[in-house]
């Protein structure tokens, strides 16, 4: 009977801890979610990127995984593996989601080790705009210049697909699932 009571208390404590963990991650992600709205609003209102260097850097990082080195410690290798997973998750967003991510966050903020997985996941779930965005022409120009300037992007089928989906044939409507 005491074993059953102890198991019940452990279960209750686990549920309480889980809820407090979820609440903490939600609160921690709040400031990051606000950045999304602010970055999108600024870009659409001003038709200019607040920080074009960050946008270009994020796009290249998202489509080029971190390079391995024989000098990497096991900790660095582990972080690079986790960061690769995050890049893959971001590449799985719609083009609008990828663009929003790239204009919003500095790379060091969302790298593994800087942002918890819970916060990262909340942001991924929240980044997709409800409506298809009409981005300023400078976004398209920057994306195409990156393709011309970066050799790995020239060879990347994922980047080609991303560009194609960013600016599809005008006769075909892009539909958000």
Protein backbone atom coordinates (compact mmCIF):
# COMPACT_ATOMS: atom_id res chain seq x y z
CA UNK A 1 0.00 0.00 0.00
CA UNK A 2 2.84 2.40 0.85
CA UNK A 3 4.51 1.54 -2.45
CA UNK A 4 1.31 2.47 -4.28
CA UNK A 5 1.07 5.76 -2.38
CA UNK A 6 4.71 6.58 -3.13
CA UNK A 7 4.22 5.79 -6.81
CA UNK A 8 1.18 8.05 -6.89
CA UNK A 9 3.13 10.92 -5.29
CA UNK A 10 6.01 10.45 -7.74
CA UNK A 11 3.53 10.56 -10.63
CA UNK A 12 1.93 13.75 -9.26
CA UNK A 13 5.34 15.40 -8.75
CA UNK A 14 6.38 14.45 -12.28
CA UNK A 15 3.24 16.02 -13.75
CA UNK A 16 3.81 19.17 -11.65
CA UNK A 17 7.44 19.41 -12.78
CA UNK A 18 6.47 18.84 -16.39
CA UNK A 19 3.89 21.65 -16.27
CA UNK A 20 6.34 24.05 -14.62
CA UNK A 21 8.97 23.15 -17.24
CA UNK A 22 6.52 23.81 -20.07
CA UNK A 23 5.46 27.11 -18.50
CA UNK A 24 9.10 28.18 -18.07
CA UNK A 25 9.92 27.37 -21.71
CA UNK A 26 6.79 29.21 -22.88
CA UNK A 27 7.71 32.31 -20.87
CA UNK A 28 11.34 32.14 -22.00
CA UNK A 29 10.26 31.93 -25.65
CA UNK A 30 7.93 34.95 -25.30
CA UNK A 31 10.65 37.55 -25.94
CA UNK A 32 11.82 35.57 -28.99
CA UNK A 33 8.27 35.33 -30.37
CA UNK A 34 7.95 39.10 -30.00
CA UNK A 35 11.10 39.50 -32.11
CA UNK A 36 9.41 37.60 -34.95
CA UNK A 37 6.50 40.03 -35.09
CA UNK A 38 8.78 43.03 -34.81
CA UNK A 39 11.19 41.87 -37.53
CA UNK A 40 8.37 41.07 -39.96
CA UNK A 41 6.59 44.35 -39.25
CA UNK A 42 9.77 46.40 -39.68
CA UNK A 43 10.65 44.68 -42.96
CA UNK A 44 7.20 45.05 -44.46
CA UNK A 45 6.81 48.66 -43.27
CA UNK A 46 10.26 49.87 -44.30
CA UNK A 47 10.85 47.52 -47.24
CA UNK A 48 14.42 47.21 -45.90
CA UNK A 49 16.18 44.63 -43.78
CA UNK A 50 17.28 45.96 -40.41
CA UNK A 51 20.37 43.77 -40.61
CA UNK A 52 21.07 42.33 -44.08
CA UNK A 53 24.31 40.71 -42.88
CA UNK A 54 22.39 38.58 -40.36
CA UNK A 55 19.86 37.60 -43.03
CA UNK A 56 22.59 36.50 -45.44
CA UNK A 57 24.50 34.68 -42.72
CA UNK A 58 21.41 32.83 -41.52
CA UNK A 59 20.44 31.73 -45.02
CA UNK A 60 23.92 30.36 -45.65
CA UNK A 61 23.97 28.61 -42.27
CA UNK A 62 20.54 27.09 -42.73
CA UNK A 63 21.50 25.56 -46.07
CA UNK A 64 25.13 24.68 -45.26
CA UNK A 65 25.70 22.41 -42.31
CA UNK A 66 28.54 23.20 -39.91
CA UNK A 67 31.90 21.96 -41.07
CA UNK A 68 33.57 19.20 -39.10
CA UNK A 69 37.18 19.42 -38.05
CA UNK A 70 39.51 16.75 -36.81
CA UNK A 71 40.30 19.16 -33.97
CA UNK A 72 36.70 19.24 -32.70
CA UNK A 73 36.27 17.96 -29.15
CA UNK A 74 33.50 15.48 -28.43
CA UNK A 75 31.45 18.35 -26.94
CA UNK A 76 31.86 20.43 -30.13
CA UNK A 77 30.98 17.40 -32.29
CA UNK A 78 27.85 16.84 -30.22
CA UNK A 79 26.79 20.50 -30.55
CA UNK A 80 27.40 20.42 -34.31
CA UNK A 81 25.25 17.29 -34.60
CA UNK A 82 22.44 18.99 -32.68
CA UNK A 83 22.86 22.18 -34.70
CA UNK A 84 22.61 20.17 -37.96
CA UNK A 85 19.30 18.81 -36.72
CA UNK A 86 18.09 22.35 -36.05
CA UNK A 87 19.13 23.46 -39.53
CA UNK A 88 17.17 20.53 -40.96
CA UNK A 89 14.11 21.50 -38.94
CA UNK A 90 14.35 25.09 -40.15
CA UNK A 91 14.77 23.92 -43.77
CA UNK A 92 11.51 22.01 -43.26
CA UNK A 93 9.61 25.26 -42.73
CA UNK A 94 7.77 26.98 -45.57
CA UNK A 95 9.83 29.58 -47.48
CA UNK A 96 8.04 32.29 -45.48
CA UNK A 97 9.00 30.58 -42.22
CA UNK A 98 12.64 30.26 -43.32
CA UNK A 99 12.77 33.92 -44.37
CA UNK A 100 11.18 35.04 -41.09
CA UNK A 101 13.65 32.96 -39.11
CA UNK A 102 16.58 34.36 -41.10
CA UNK A 103 15.55 38.00 -40.64
CA UNK A 104 14.74 37.62 -36.94
CA UNK A 105 17.44 35.75 -35.05
CA UNK A 106 21.20 36.18 -34.89
CA UNK A 107 22.88 32.81 -35.47
CA UNK A 108 24.49 32.61 -32.04
CA UNK A 109 21.06 32.93 -30.41
CA UNK A 110 19.58 29.78 -31.91
CA UNK A 111 22.64 27.54 -32.02
CA UNK A 112 22.64 24.43 -29.89
CA UNK A 113 23.91 25.34 -26.44
CA UNK A 114 22.49 28.88 -26.59
CA UNK A 115 18.78 28.12 -26.80
CA UNK A 116 17.07 25.19 -25.12
CA UNK A 117 15.30 22.65 -27.27
CA UNK A 118 11.95 23.54 -25.72
CA UNK A 119 12.31 27.21 -26.63
CA UNK A 120 13.57 26.33 -30.12
CA UNK A 121 10.57 24.04 -30.66
CA UNK A 122 8.10 26.70 -29.48
CA UNK A 123 9.62 29.18 -31.91
CA UNK A 124 9.51 26.70 -34.79
CA UNK A 125 5.82 26.06 -34.04
CA UNK A 126 5.12 29.80 -33.87
CA UNK A 127 7.19 31.15 -36.79
CA UNK A 128 4.93 30.25 -39.69
CA UNK A 129 2.87 33.27 -40.75
CA UNK A 130 -0.86 32.67 -41.11
CA UNK A 131 -0.94 34.39 -44.48
CA UNK A 132 1.44 33.98 -47.38
CA UNK A 133 3.86 36.90 -47.25
CA UNK A 134 4.70 39.30 -50.05
CA UNK A 135 8.33 40.07 -49.30
CA UNK A 136 10.12 43.16 -50.58
CA UNK A 137 12.06 42.64 -53.81
CA UNK A 138 15.33 43.03 -51.92
CA UNK A 139 14.68 39.62 -50.27
CA UNK A 140 14.45 37.91 -53.68
CA UNK A 141 17.48 39.82 -54.94
CA UNK A 142 19.52 38.85 -51.88
CA UNK A 143 18.53 35.18 -52.15
CA UNK A 144 19.56 35.05 -55.81
CA UNK A 145 22.83 36.92 -55.16
CA UNK A 146 23.65 34.38 -52.46
CA UNK A 147 23.06 31.58 -54.95
CA UNK A 148 25.47 33.23 -57.39
CA UNK A 149 28.09 34.02 -54.72
CA UNK A 150 28.13 30.85 -52.62
CA UNK A 151 29.44 27.75 -54.36
CA UNK A 152 27.68 25.33 -52.01
CA UNK A 153 24.33 27.07 -52.69
CA UNK A 154 24.92 26.74 -56.45
CA UNK A 155 25.11 22.96 -55.93
CA UNK A 156 22.32 22.67 -53.37
CA UNK A 157 19.08 21.06 -54.61
CA UNK A 158 17.44 22.11 -51.33
CA UNK A 159 18.29 25.75 -51.97
CA UNK A 160 17.02 25.46 -55.55
CA UNK A 161 13.74 24.06 -54.24
CA UNK A 162 13.57 26.82 -51.62
CA UNK A 163 14.03 29.52 -54.28
CA UNK A 164 11.47 27.90 -56.55
CA UNK A 165 8.95 27.81 -53.70
CA UNK A 166 9.74 31.38 -52.61
CA UNK A 167 8.71 32.81 -55.94
CA UNK A 168 6.60 30.25 -57.76
CA UNK A 169 5.15 30.71 -61.18
CA UNK A 170 2.62 33.56 -60.81
CA UNK A 171 0.02 31.54 -62.69
CA UNK A 172 0.08 28.94 -59.91
CA UNK A 173 -1.20 29.92 -56.49
CA UNK A 174 0.95 29.00 -53.52
CA UNK A 175 -1.17 27.31 -50.90
CA UNK A 176 -0.30 27.08 -47.20
CA UNK A 177 -1.07 23.69 -45.66
